[in-house]
PDB file of all heavy atoms in Angstrom:
ATOM      1  N   LEU A   1      -0.081  11.337   6.976  1.00  0.00           N
ATOM      2  CA  LEU A   1       0.135  10.360   8.029  1.00  0.00           C
ATOM      3  C   LEU A   1       0.674   9.062   7.438  1.00  0.00           C
ATOM      4  O   LEU A   1       0.077   8.510   6.510  1.00  0.00           O
ATOM      5  CB  LEU A   1      -1.179  10.082   8.765  1.00  0.00           C
ATOM      6  CG  LEU A   1      -1.980  11.295   9.252  1.00  0.00           C
ATOM      7  CD1 LEU A   1      -3.289  10.832   9.905  1.00  0.00           C
ATOM      8  CD2 LEU A   1      -1.165  12.138  10.211  1.00  0.00           C
ATOM      9  N   TYR A   2       1.781   8.577   7.977  1.00  0.00           N
ATOM     10  CA  TYR A   2       2.367   7.315   7.556  1.00  0.00           C
ATOM     11  C   TYR A   2       2.474   6.394   8.771  1.00  0.00           C
ATOM     12  O   TYR A   2       2.784   6.846   9.872  1.00  0.00           O
ATOM     13  CB  TYR A   2       3.777   7.498   7.005  1.00  0.00           C
ATOM     14  CG  TYR A   2       3.949   8.539   5.923  1.00  0.00           C
ATOM     15  CD1 TYR A   2       4.227   9.860   6.257  1.00  0.00           C
ATOM     16  CD2 TYR A   2       3.873   8.191   4.578  1.00  0.00           C
ATOM     17  CE1 TYR A   2       4.410  10.818   5.271  1.00  0.00           C
ATOM     18  CE2 TYR A   2       4.065   9.148   3.586  1.00  0.00           C
ATOM     19  CZ  TYR A   2       4.334  10.457   3.936  1.00  0.00           C
ATOM     20  OH  TYR A   2       4.525  11.407   2.960  1.00  0.00           O
ATOM     21  N   ALA A   3       2.271   5.105   8.563  1.00  0.00           N
ATOM     22  CA  ALA A   3       2.458   4.139   9.641  1.00  0.00           C
ATOM     23  C   ALA A   3       3.292   2.978   9.135  1.00  0.00           C
ATOM     24  O   ALA A   3       3.028   2.433   8.059  1.00  0.00           O
ATOM     25  CB  ALA A   3       1.113   3.631  10.152  1.00  0.00           C
ATOM     26  N   LEU A   4       4.313   2.605   9.915  1.00  0.00           N
ATOM     27  CA  LEU A   4       5.122   1.463   9.538  1.00  0.00           C
ATOM     28  C   LEU A   4       4.431   0.158   9.891  1.00  0.00           C
ATOM     29  O   LEU A   4       4.753  -0.883   9.325  1.00  0.00           O
ATOM     30  CB  LEU A   4       6.491   1.547  10.232  1.00  0.00           C
ATOM     31  CG  LEU A   4       7.603   0.694   9.646  1.00  0.00           C
ATOM     32  CD1 LEU A   4       7.783   0.970   8.165  1.00  0.00           C
ATOM     33  CD2 LEU A   4       8.912   0.939  10.385  1.00  0.00           C
ATOM     34  N   ASN A   5       3.488   0.214  10.810  1.00  0.00           N
ATOM     35  CA  ASN A   5       2.696  -0.953  11.166  1.00  0.00           C
ATOM     36  C   ASN A   5       1.427  -0.952  10.308  1.00  0.00           C
ATOM     37  O   ASN A   5       0.571  -0.080  10.468  1.00  0.00           O
ATOM     38  CB  ASN A   5       2.337  -0.921  12.650  1.00  0.00           C
ATOM     39  CG  ASN A   5       1.707  -2.211  13.126  1.00  0.00           C
ATOM     40  OD1 ASN A   5       0.964  -2.865  12.392  1.00  0.00           O
ATOM     41  ND2 ASN A   5       1.986  -2.590  14.357  1.00  0.00           N
ATOM     42  N   PRO A   6       1.279  -1.910   9.393  1.00  0.00           N
ATOM     43  CA  PRO A   6       0.140  -1.864   8.459  1.00  0.00           C
ATOM     44  C   PRO A   6      -1.212  -2.011   9.134  1.00  0.00           C
ATOM     45  O   PRO A   6      -2.234  -1.647   8.549  1.00  0.00           O
ATOM     46  CB  PRO A   6       0.414  -3.042   7.513  1.00  0.00           C
ATOM     47  CG  PRO A   6       1.299  -3.960   8.287  1.00  0.00           C
ATOM     48  CD  PRO A   6       2.154  -3.077   9.147  1.00  0.00           C
ATOM     49  N   ALA A   7      -1.237  -2.525  10.363  1.00  0.00           N
ATOM     50  CA  ALA A   7      -2.513  -2.649  11.064  1.00  0.00           C
ATOM     51  C   ALA A   7      -3.143  -1.294  11.341  1.00  0.00           C
ATOM     52  O   ALA A   7      -4.355  -1.205  11.573  1.00  0.00           O
ATOM     53  CB  ALA A   7      -2.306  -3.398  12.384  1.00  0.00           C
ATOM     54  N   MET A   8      -2.345  -0.220  11.272  1.00  0.00           N
ATOM     55  CA  MET A   8      -2.863   1.123  11.545  1.00  0.00           C
ATOM     56  C   MET A   8      -3.553   1.772  10.351  1.00  0.00           C
ATOM     57  O   MET A   8      -4.243   2.784  10.520  1.00  0.00           O
ATOM     58  CB  MET A   8      -1.714   2.048  11.982  1.00  0.00           C
ATOM     59  CG  MET A   8      -1.182   1.819  13.376  1.00  0.00           C
ATOM     60  SD  MET A   8       0.034   3.091  13.828  1.00  0.00           S
ATOM     61  CE  MET A   8      -1.000   4.575  13.850  1.00  0.00           C
ATOM     62  N   ILE A   9      -3.354   1.247   9.149  1.00  0.00           N
ATOM     63  CA  ILE A   9      -3.761   1.970   7.950  1.00  0.00           C
ATOM     64  C   ILE A   9      -5.262   2.271   7.919  1.00  0.00           C
ATOM     65  O   ILE A   9      -5.659   3.421   7.652  1.00  0.00           O
ATOM     66  CB  ILE A   9      -3.323   1.220   6.680  1.00  0.00           C
ATOM     67  CG1 ILE A   9      -1.794   1.094   6.640  1.00  0.00           C
ATOM     68  CG2 ILE A   9      -3.814   1.949   5.434  1.00  0.00           C
ATOM     69  CD1 ILE A   9      -1.047   2.406   6.684  1.00  0.00           C
ATOM     70  N   PRO A  10      -6.171   1.313   8.187  1.00  0.00           N
ATOM     71  CA  PRO A  10      -7.599   1.680   8.170  1.00  0.00           C
ATOM     72  C   PRO A  10      -7.934   2.782   9.169  1.00  0.00           C
ATOM     73  O   PRO A  10      -8.695   3.711   8.842  1.00  0.00           O
ATOM     74  CB  PRO A  10      -8.294   0.360   8.520  1.00  0.00           C
ATOM     75  CG  PRO A  10      -7.345  -0.704   8.098  1.00  0.00           C
ATOM     76  CD  PRO A  10      -5.980  -0.134   8.393  1.00  0.00           C
ATOM     77  N   ALA A  11      -7.359   2.695  10.366  1.00  0.00           N
ATOM     78  CA  ALA A  11      -7.655   3.728  11.369  1.00  0.00           C
ATOM     79  C   ALA A  11      -7.070   5.069  10.960  1.00  0.00           C
ATOM     80  O   ALA A  11      -7.681   6.118  11.197  1.00  0.00           O
ATOM     81  CB  ALA A  11      -7.095   3.301  12.728  1.00  0.00           C
ATOM     82  N   LEU A  12      -5.889   5.082  10.342  1.00  0.00           N
ATOM     83  CA  LEU A  12      -5.303   6.334   9.861  1.00  0.00           C
ATOM     84  C   LEU A  12      -6.197   6.977   8.815  1.00  0.00           C
ATOM     85  O   LEU A  12      -6.397   8.191   8.820  1.00  0.00           O
ATOM     86  CB  LEU A  12      -3.917   6.094   9.254  1.00  0.00           C
ATOM     87  CG  LEU A  12      -2.716   5.955  10.174  1.00  0.00           C
ATOM     88  CD1 LEU A  12      -1.438   6.007   9.353  1.00  0.00           C
ATOM     89  CD2 LEU A  12      -2.701   7.023  11.242  1.00  0.00           C
ATOM     90  N   CYS A  13      -6.708   6.171   7.902  1.00  0.00           N
ATOM     91  CA  CYS A  13      -7.598   6.719   6.864  1.00  0.00           C
ATOM     92  C   CYS A  13      -8.861   7.300   7.478  1.00  0.00           C
ATOM     93  O   CYS A  13      -9.337   8.364   7.055  1.00  0.00           O
ATOM     94  CB  CYS A  13      -7.952   5.633   5.854  1.00  0.00           C
ATOM     95  SG  CYS A  13      -6.581   5.118   4.803  1.00  0.00           S
ATOM     96  N   ALA A  14      -9.393   6.617   8.490  1.00  0.00           N
ATOM     97  CA  ALA A  14     -10.579   7.129   9.154  1.00  0.00           C
ATOM     98  C   ALA A  14     -10.280   8.422   9.897  1.00  0.00           C
ATOM     99  O   ALA A  14     -11.065   9.377   9.863  1.00  0.00           O
ATOM    100  CB  ALA A  14     -11.135   6.079  10.113  1.00  0.00           C
ATOM    101  N   ALA A  15      -9.132   8.470  10.563  1.00  0.00           N
ATOM    102  CA  ALA A  15      -8.734   9.688  11.278  1.00  0.00           C
ATOM    103  C   ALA A  15      -8.564  10.844  10.311  1.00  0.00           C
ATOM    104  O   ALA A  15      -9.016  11.969  10.564  1.00  0.00           O
ATOM    105  CB  ALA A  15      -7.446   9.450  12.056  1.00  0.00           C
ATOM    106  N   ALA A  16      -7.895  10.569   9.196  1.00  0.00           N
ATOM    107  CA  ALA A  16      -7.658  11.623   8.209  1.00  0.00           C
ATOM    108  C   ALA A  16      -8.966  12.202   7.700  1.00  0.00           C
ATOM    109  O   ALA A  16      -9.093  13.419   7.492  1.00  0.00           O
ATOM    110  CB  ALA A  16      -6.833  11.070   7.042  1.00  0.00           C
ATOM    111  N   GLY A  17      -9.962  11.352   7.525  1.00  0.00           N
ATOM    112  CA  GLY A  17     -11.239  11.815   7.002  1.00  0.00           C
ATOM    113  C   GLY A  17     -12.021  12.697   7.959  1.00  0.00           C
ATOM    114  O   GLY A  17     -13.000  13.329   7.559  1.00  0.00           O
ATOM    115  N   SER A  18     -11.588  12.753   9.208  1.00  0.00           N
ATOM    116  CA  SER A  18     -12.275  13.587  10.189  1.00  0.00           C
ATOM    117  C   SER A  18     -11.751  15.020  10.221  1.00  0.00           C
ATOM    118  O   SER A  18     -12.314  15.854  10.937  1.00  0.00           O
ATOM    119  CB  SER A  18     -12.127  12.957  11.583  1.00  0.00           C
ATOM    120  OG  SER A  18     -12.718  11.675  11.631  1.00  0.00           O
ATOM    121  N   PHE A  19     -10.682  15.295   9.486  1.00  0.00           N
ATOM    122  CA  PHE A  19     -10.048  16.613   9.514  1.00  0.00           C
ATOM    123  C   PHE A  19      -9.735  17.063   8.097  1.00  0.00           C
ATOM    124  O   PHE A  19      -9.278  16.275   7.260  1.00  0.00           O
ATOM    125  CB  PHE A  19      -8.758  16.580  10.329  1.00  0.00           C
ATOM    126  CG  PHE A  19      -8.960  16.210  11.769  1.00  0.00           C
ATOM    127  CD1 PHE A  19      -8.935  14.882  12.170  1.00  0.00           C
ATOM    128  CD2 PHE A  19      -9.196  17.186  12.725  1.00  0.00           C
ATOM    129  CE1 PHE A  19      -9.124  14.522  13.496  1.00  0.00           C
ATOM    130  CE2 PHE A  19      -9.384  16.843  14.063  1.00  0.00           C
ATOM    131  CZ  PHE A  19      -9.357  15.512  14.445  1.00  0.00           C
ATOM    132  N   SER A  20      -9.947  18.330   7.821  1.00  0.00           N
ATOM    133  CA  SER A  20      -9.617  18.867   6.506  1.00  0.00           C
ATOM    134  C   SER A  20      -8.104  18.845   6.309  1.00  0.00           C
ATOM    135  O   SER A  20      -7.332  19.069   7.241  1.00  0.00           O
ATOM    136  CB  SER A  20     -10.125  20.312   6.376  1.00  0.00           C
ATOM    137  OG  SER A  20     -11.528  20.342   6.466  1.00  0.00           O
ATOM    138  N   ASP A  21      -7.685  18.579   5.091  1.00  0.00           N
ATOM    139  CA  ASP A  21      -6.280  18.666   4.688  1.00  0.00           C
ATOM    140  C   ASP A  21      -5.385  17.640   5.372  1.00  0.00           C
ATOM    141  O   ASP A  21      -4.163  17.815   5.423  1.00  0.00           O
ATOM    142  CB  ASP A  21      -5.720  20.076   4.931  1.00  0.00           C
ATOM    143  CG  ASP A  21      -6.342  21.108   4.014  1.00  0.00           C
ATOM    144  OD1 ASP A  21      -6.654  20.746   2.861  1.00  0.00           O
ATOM    145  OD2 ASP A  21      -6.517  22.264   4.439  1.00  0.00           O
ATOM    146  N   VAL A  22      -5.954  16.557   5.892  1.00  0.00           N
ATOM    147  CA  VAL A  22      -5.150  15.458   6.433  1.00  0.00           C
ATOM    148  C   VAL A  22      -5.337  14.259   5.517  1.00  0.00           C
ATOM    149  O   VAL A  22      -6.466  13.913   5.157  1.00  0.00           O
ATOM    150  CB  VAL A  22      -5.563  15.112   7.870  1.00  0.00           C
ATOM    151  CG1 VAL A  22      -4.727  13.943   8.404  1.00  0.00           C
ATOM    152  CG2 VAL A  22      -5.403  16.326   8.783  1.00  0.00           C
ATOM    153  N   ARG A  23      -4.228  13.634   5.125  1.00  0.00           N
ATOM    154  CA  ARG A  23      -4.275  12.514   4.187  1.00  0.00           C
ATOM    155  C   ARG A  23      -3.459  11.345   4.728  1.00  0.00           C
ATOM    156  O   ARG A  23      -2.475  11.540   5.439  1.00  0.00           O
ATOM    157  CB  ARG A  23      -3.699  12.915   2.815  1.00  0.00           C
ATOM    158  CG  ARG A  23      -4.415  14.075   2.152  1.00  0.00           C
ATOM    159  CD  ARG A  23      -5.771  13.674   1.606  1.00  0.00           C
ATOM    160  NE  ARG A  23      -6.453  14.790   0.963  1.00  0.00           N
ATOM    161  CZ  ARG A  23      -7.338  15.573   1.569  1.00  0.00           C
ATOM    162  NH1 ARG A  23      -7.643  15.367   2.855  1.00  0.00           N
ATOM    163  NH2 ARG A  23      -7.915  16.563   0.931  1.00  0.00           N
ATOM    164  N   CYS A  24      -3.859  10.154   4.367  1.00  0.00           N
ATOM    165  CA  CYS A  24      -3.059   8.954   4.619  1.00  0.00           C
ATOM    166  C   CYS A  24      -2.011   8.843   3.515  1.00  0.00           C
ATOM    167  O   CYS A  24      -2.334   8.967   2.326  1.00  0.00           O
ATOM    168  CB  CYS A  24      -3.954   7.718   4.638  1.00  0.00           C
ATOM    169  SG  CYS A  24      -3.106   6.188   5.067  1.00  0.00           S
ATOM    170  N   GLY A  25      -0.747   8.654   3.896  1.00  0.00           N
ATOM    171  CA  GLY A  25       0.341   8.674   2.928  1.00  0.00           C
ATOM    172  C   GLY A  25       0.643   7.319   2.318  1.00  0.00           C
ATOM    173  O   GLY A  25       0.005   6.303   2.606  1.00  0.00           O
ATOM    174  N   ALA A  26       1.645   7.314   1.464  1.00  0.00           N
ATOM    175  CA  ALA A  26       2.048   6.123   0.721  1.00  0.00           C
ATOM    176  C   ALA A  26       2.519   5.010   1.652  1.00  0.00           C
ATOM    177  O   ALA A  26       2.949   5.255   2.788  1.00  0.00           O
ATOM    178  CB  ALA A  26       3.163   6.486  -0.259  1.00  0.00           C
ATOM    179  N   ALA A  27       2.434   3.779   1.157  1.00  0.00           N
ATOM    180  CA  ALA A  27       2.945   2.633   1.906  1.00  0.00           C
ATOM    181  C   ALA A  27       4.411   2.875   2.232  1.00  0.00           C
ATOM    182  O   ALA A  27       5.219   3.143   1.346  1.00  0.00           O
ATOM    183  CB  ALA A  27       2.776   1.355   1.085  1.00  0.00           C
ATOM    184  N   TRP A  28       4.745   2.763   3.515  1.00  0.00           N
ATOM    185  CA  TRP A  28       6.055   3.202   3.981  1.00  0.00           C
ATOM    186  C   TRP A  28       6.959   2.019   4.299  1.00  0.00           C
ATOM    187  O   TRP A  28       6.578   1.110   5.015  1.00  0.00           O
ATOM    188  CB  TRP A  28       5.850   4.094   5.212  1.00  0.00           C
ATOM    189  CG  TRP A  28       7.085   4.565   5.904  1.00  0.00           C
ATOM    190  CD1 TRP A  28       8.291   4.856   5.333  1.00  0.00           C
ATOM    191  CD2 TRP A  28       7.240   4.810   7.306  1.00  0.00           C
ATOM    192  NE1 TRP A  28       9.182   5.271   6.298  1.00  0.00           N
ATOM    193  CE2 TRP A  28       8.559   5.254   7.515  1.00  0.00           C
ATOM    194  CE3 TRP A  28       6.384   4.705   8.402  1.00  0.00           C
ATOM    195  CZ2 TRP A  28       9.052   5.581   8.782  1.00  0.00           C
ATOM    196  CZ3 TRP A  28       6.862   5.035   9.649  1.00  0.00           C
ATOM    197  CH2 TRP A  28       8.166   5.474   9.837  1.00  0.00           C
ATOM    198  N   TRP A  29       8.142   2.017   3.716  1.00  0.00           N
ATOM    199  CA  TRP A  29       9.264   1.170   4.117  1.00  0.00           C
ATOM    200  C   TRP A  29       8.942  -0.313   4.019  1.00  0.00           C
ATOM    201  O   TRP A  29       8.917  -0.865   2.928  1.00  0.00           O
ATOM    202  CB  TRP A  29       9.686   1.570   5.517  1.00  0.00           C
ATOM    203  CG  TRP A  29      11.089   1.219   5.892  1.00  0.00           C
ATOM    204  CD1 TRP A  29      11.933   0.336   5.287  1.00  0.00           C
ATOM    205  CD2 TRP A  29      11.807   1.766   7.006  1.00  0.00           C
ATOM    206  NE1 TRP A  29      13.125   0.296   5.949  1.00  0.00           N
ATOM    207  CE2 TRP A  29      13.078   1.148   7.007  1.00  0.00           C
ATOM    208  CE3 TRP A  29      11.493   2.689   7.985  1.00  0.00           C
ATOM    209  CZ2 TRP A  29      14.038   1.448   7.977  1.00  0.00           C
ATOM    210  CZ3 TRP A  29      12.448   2.984   8.941  1.00  0.00           C
ATOM    211  CH2 TRP A  29      13.706   2.375   8.931  1.00  0.00           C
ATOM    212  N   PHE A  30       8.693  -0.980   5.157  1.00  0.00           N
ATOM    213  CA  PHE A  30       8.425  -2.418   5.109  1.00  0.00           C
ATOM    214  C   PHE A  30       7.086  -2.731   4.452  1.00  0.00           C
ATOM    215  O   PHE A  30       6.802  -3.891   4.164  1.00  0.00           O
ATOM    216  CB  PHE A  30       8.446  -2.999   6.532  1.00  0.00           C
ATOM    217  CG  PHE A  30       9.754  -2.821   7.242  1.00  0.00           C
ATOM    218  CD1 PHE A  30       9.812  -2.176   8.447  1.00  0.00           C
ATOM    219  CD2 PHE A  30      10.934  -3.285   6.682  1.00  0.00           C
ATOM    220  CE1 PHE A  30      11.021  -1.995   9.112  1.00  0.00           C
ATOM    221  CE2 PHE A  30      12.144  -3.118   7.326  1.00  0.00           C
ATOM    222  CZ  PHE A  30      12.199  -2.469   8.542  1.00  0.00           C
ATOM    223  N   CYS A  31       6.276  -1.716   4.240  1.00  0.00           N
ATOM    224  CA  CYS A  31       4.984  -1.901   3.566  1.00  0.00           C
ATOM    225  C   CYS A  31       5.050  -1.527   2.086  1.00  0.00           C
ATOM    226  O   CYS A  31       4.043  -1.630   1.374  1.00  0.00           O
ATOM    227  CB  CYS A  31       3.916  -1.048   4.252  1.00  0.00           C
ATOM    228  SG  CYS A  31       3.739  -1.364   6.015  1.00  0.00           S
ATOM    229  N   ASP A  32       6.221  -1.104   1.624  1.00  0.00           N
ATOM    230  CA  ASP A  32       6.385  -0.590   0.256  1.00  0.00           C
ATOM    231  C   ASP A  32       6.642  -1.741  -0.718  1.00  0.00           C
ATOM    232  O   ASP A  32       7.720  -1.877  -1.288  1.00  0.00           O
ATOM    233  CB  ASP A  32       7.538   0.421   0.236  1.00  0.00           C
ATOM    234  CG  ASP A  32       7.691   1.118  -1.103  1.00  0.00           C
ATOM    235  OD1 ASP A  32       6.763   1.045  -1.918  1.00  0.00           O
ATOM    236  OD2 ASP A  32       8.758   1.727  -1.334  1.00  0.00           O
ATOM    237  N   HIS A  33       5.631  -2.583  -0.869  1.00  0.00           N
ATOM    238  CA  HIS A  33       5.705  -3.720  -1.784  1.00  0.00           C
ATOM    239  C   HIS A  33       4.354  -3.842  -2.485  1.00  0.00           C
ATOM    240  O   HIS A  33       3.420  -3.067  -2.198  1.00  0.00           O
ATOM    241  CB  HIS A  33       6.059  -4.996  -1.039  1.00  0.00           C
ATOM    242  CG  HIS A  33       5.327  -5.192   0.261  1.00  0.00           C
ATOM    243  ND1 HIS A  33       3.962  -5.416   0.345  1.00  0.00           N
ATOM    244  CD2 HIS A  33       5.769  -5.142   1.546  1.00  0.00           C
ATOM    245  CE1 HIS A  33       3.598  -5.526   1.601  1.00  0.00           C
ATOM    246  NE2 HIS A  33       4.674  -5.360   2.357  1.00  0.00           N
ATOM    247  N   LYS A  34       4.238  -4.780  -3.386  1.00  0.00           N
ATOM    248  CA  LYS A  34       3.034  -4.885  -4.207  1.00  0.00           C
ATOM    249  C   LYS A  34       1.778  -4.974  -3.352  1.00  0.00           C
ATOM    250  O   LYS A  34       0.825  -4.201  -3.541  1.00  0.00           O
ATOM    251  CB  LYS A  34       3.132  -6.106  -5.122  1.00  0.00           C
ATOM    252  CG  LYS A  34       1.907  -6.345  -5.985  1.00  0.00           C
ATOM    253  CD  LYS A  34       2.078  -7.615  -6.820  1.00  0.00           C
ATOM    254  CE  LYS A  34       0.811  -7.921  -7.612  1.00  0.00           C
ATOM    255  NZ  LYS A  34       0.951  -9.153  -8.423  1.00  0.00           N
ATOM    256  N   ARG A  35       1.753  -5.891  -2.398  1.00  0.00           N
ATOM    257  CA  ARG A  35       0.559  -6.048  -1.573  1.00  0.00           C
ATOM    258  C   ARG A  35       0.336  -4.820  -0.699  1.00  0.00           C
ATOM    259  O   ARG A  35      -0.795  -4.338  -0.562  1.00  0.00           O
ATOM    260  CB  ARG A  35       0.683  -7.309  -0.703  1.00  0.00           C
ATOM    261  CG  ARG A  35      -0.488  -7.519   0.241  1.00  0.00           C
ATOM    262  CD  ARG A  35      -0.390  -8.888   0.938  1.00  0.00           C
ATOM    263  NE  ARG A  35       0.896  -9.074   1.576  1.00  0.00           N
ATOM    264  CZ  ARG A  35       1.212  -8.601   2.796  1.00  0.00           C
ATOM    265  NH1 ARG A  35       0.319  -7.906   3.489  1.00  0.00           N
ATOM    266  NH2 ARG A  35       2.401  -8.837   3.320  1.00  0.00           N
ATOM    267  N   GLY A  36       1.412  -4.297  -0.107  1.00  0.00           N
ATOM    268  CA  GLY A  36       1.270  -3.145   0.774  1.00  0.00           C
ATOM    269  C   GLY A  36       0.769  -1.910   0.052  1.00  0.00           C
ATOM    270  O   GLY A  36      -0.091  -1.178   0.570  1.00  0.00           O
ATOM    271  N   ILE A  37       1.296  -1.658  -1.145  1.00  0.00           N
ATOM    272  CA  ILE A  37       0.851  -0.501  -1.925  1.00  0.00           C
ATOM    273  C   ILE A  37      -0.609  -0.654  -2.309  1.00  0.00           C
ATOM    274  O   ILE A  37      -1.410   0.285  -2.185  1.00  0.00           O
ATOM    275  CB  ILE A  37       1.742  -0.326  -3.172  1.00  0.00           C
ATOM    276  CG1 ILE A  37       3.149   0.114  -2.754  1.00  0.00           C
ATOM    277  CG2 ILE A  37       1.130   0.685  -4.144  1.00  0.00           C
ATOM    278  CD1 ILE A  37       4.148   0.127  -3.881  1.00  0.00           C
ATOM    279  N   ARG A  38      -0.981  -1.841  -2.780  1.00  0.00           N
ATOM    280  CA  ARG A  38      -2.389  -2.071  -3.140  1.00  0.00           C
ATOM    281  C   ARG A  38      -3.303  -1.920  -1.925  1.00  0.00           C
ATOM    282  O   ARG A  38      -4.389  -1.332  -2.027  1.00  0.00           O
ATOM    283  CB  ARG A  38      -2.555  -3.468  -3.751  1.00  0.00           C
ATOM    284  CG  ARG A  38      -2.055  -3.598  -5.183  1.00  0.00           C
ATOM    285  CD  ARG A  38      -2.362  -4.974  -5.732  1.00  0.00           C
ATOM    286  NE  ARG A  38      -3.801  -5.169  -5.869  1.00  0.00           N
ATOM    287  CZ  ARG A  38      -4.449  -5.163  -7.033  1.00  0.00           C
ATOM    288  NH1 ARG A  38      -3.789  -4.928  -8.155  1.00  0.00           N
ATOM    289  NH2 ARG A  38      -5.746  -5.376  -7.077  1.00  0.00           N
ATOM    290  N   GLU A  39      -2.870  -2.427  -0.789  1.00  0.00           N
ATOM    291  CA  GLU A  39      -3.711  -2.346   0.399  1.00  0.00           C
ATOM    292  C   GLU A  39      -3.921  -0.894   0.830  1.00  0.00           C
ATOM    293  O   GLU A  39      -5.030  -0.514   1.224  1.00  0.00           O
ATOM    294  CB  GLU A  39      -3.096  -3.165   1.532  1.00  0.00           C
ATOM    295  CG  GLU A  39      -3.262  -4.669   1.349  1.00  0.00           C
ATOM    296  CD  GLU A  39      -2.716  -5.463   2.517  1.00  0.00           C
ATOM    297  OE1 GLU A  39      -2.090  -4.853   3.429  1.00  0.00           O
ATOM    298  OE2 GLU A  39      -2.904  -6.687   2.526  1.00  0.00           O
ATOM    299  N   VAL A  40      -2.873  -0.084   0.771  1.00  0.00           N
ATOM    300  CA  VAL A  40      -3.033   1.321   1.129  1.00  0.00           C
ATOM    301  C   VAL A  40      -3.991   2.005   0.162  1.00  0.00           C
ATOM    302  O   VAL A  40      -4.916   2.723   0.568  1.00  0.00           O
ATOM    303  CB  VAL A  40      -1.680   2.045   1.154  1.00  0.00           C
ATOM    304  CG1 VAL A  40      -1.868   3.552   1.216  1.00  0.00           C
ATOM    305  CG2 VAL A  40      -0.854   1.584   2.348  1.00  0.00           C
ATOM    306  N   LEU A  41      -3.789   1.789  -1.140  1.00  0.00           N
ATOM    307  CA  LEU A  41      -4.657   2.419  -2.132  1.00  0.00           C
ATOM    308  C   LEU A  41      -6.107   1.960  -1.973  1.00  0.00           C
ATOM    309  O   LEU A  41      -7.047   2.774  -2.041  1.00  0.00           O
ATOM    310  CB  LEU A  41      -4.156   2.110  -3.542  1.00  0.00           C
ATOM    311  CG  LEU A  41      -2.801   2.724  -3.920  1.00  0.00           C
ATOM    312  CD1 LEU A  41      -2.337   2.183  -5.274  1.00  0.00           C
ATOM    313  CD2 LEU A  41      -2.884   4.245  -3.963  1.00  0.00           C
ATOM    314  N   GLU A  42      -6.307   0.677  -1.770  1.00  0.00           N
ATOM    315  CA  GLU A  42      -7.670   0.159  -1.622  1.00  0.00           C
ATOM    316  C   GLU A  42      -8.317   0.675  -0.342  1.00  0.00           C
ATOM    317  O   GLU A  42      -9.516   1.003  -0.332  1.00  0.00           O
ATOM    318  CB  GLU A  42      -7.630  -1.372  -1.619  1.00  0.00           C
ATOM    319  CG  GLU A  42      -7.310  -1.960  -2.984  1.00  0.00           C
ATOM    320  CD  GLU A  42      -7.096  -3.458  -2.952  1.00  0.00           C
ATOM    321  OE1 GLU A  42      -6.851  -4.017  -1.857  1.00  0.00           O
ATOM    322  OE2 GLU A  42      -7.165  -4.073  -4.027  1.00  0.00           O
ATOM    323  N   THR A  43      -7.529   0.784   0.735  1.00  0.00           N
ATOM    324  CA  THR A  43      -8.094   1.268   1.994  1.00  0.00           C
ATOM    325  C   THR A  43      -8.450   2.748   1.898  1.00  0.00           C
ATOM    326  O   THR A  43      -9.509   3.172   2.381  1.00  0.00           O
ATOM    327  CB  THR A  43      -7.113   1.027   3.149  1.00  0.00           C
ATOM    328  OG1 THR A  43      -6.774  -0.359   3.207  1.00  0.00           O
ATOM    329  CG2 THR A  43      -7.725   1.432   4.479  1.00  0.00           C
ATOM    330  N   VAL A  44      -7.570   3.534   1.275  1.00  0.00           N
ATOM    331  CA  VAL A  44      -7.884   4.945   1.056  1.00  0.00           C
ATOM    332  C   VAL A  44      -9.150   5.072   0.219  1.00  0.00           C
ATOM    333  O   VAL A  44     -10.020   5.906   0.503  1.00  0.00           O
ATOM    334  CB  VAL A  44      -6.703   5.667   0.379  1.00  0.00           C
ATOM    335  CG1 VAL A  44      -7.110   7.070  -0.069  1.00  0.00           C
ATOM    336  CG2 VAL A  44      -5.510   5.748   1.327  1.00  0.00           C
ATOM    337  N   ALA A  45      -9.265   4.235  -0.822  1.00  0.00           N
ATOM    338  CA  ALA A  45     -10.452   4.292  -1.678  1.00  0.00           C
ATOM    339  C   ALA A  45     -11.715   3.934  -0.903  1.00  0.00           C
ATOM    340  O   ALA A  45     -12.770   4.561  -1.066  1.00  0.00           O
ATOM    341  CB  ALA A  45     -10.281   3.341  -2.864  1.00  0.00           C
ATOM    342  N   GLU A  46     -11.620   2.933  -0.039  1.00  0.00           N
ATOM    343  CA  GLU A  46     -12.800   2.448   0.682  1.00  0.00           C
ATOM    344  C   GLU A  46     -13.247   3.407   1.792  1.00  0.00           C
ATOM    345  O   GLU A  46     -14.441   3.582   2.024  1.00  0.00           O
ATOM    346  CB  GLU A  46     -12.497   1.079   1.289  1.00  0.00           C
ATOM    347  CG  GLU A  46     -12.333  -0.022   0.257  1.00  0.00           C
ATOM    348  CD  GLU A  46     -11.667  -1.252   0.808  1.00  0.00           C
ATOM    349  OE1 GLU A  46     -11.178  -1.222   1.959  1.00  0.00           O
ATOM    350  OE2 GLU A  46     -11.610  -2.270   0.080  1.00  0.00           O
TER     351      GLU A  46
END
């Protein structure tokens, strides 16, 4: 699952965790920068 709107990332990670074999993907496009990549990784970790 990828979202171009970064506000979706925590909810995407939570949704992914409710189903087997569903993952939150890499920071996409306008989010593909230092802060965006770190935020995705940290949110997935949390």
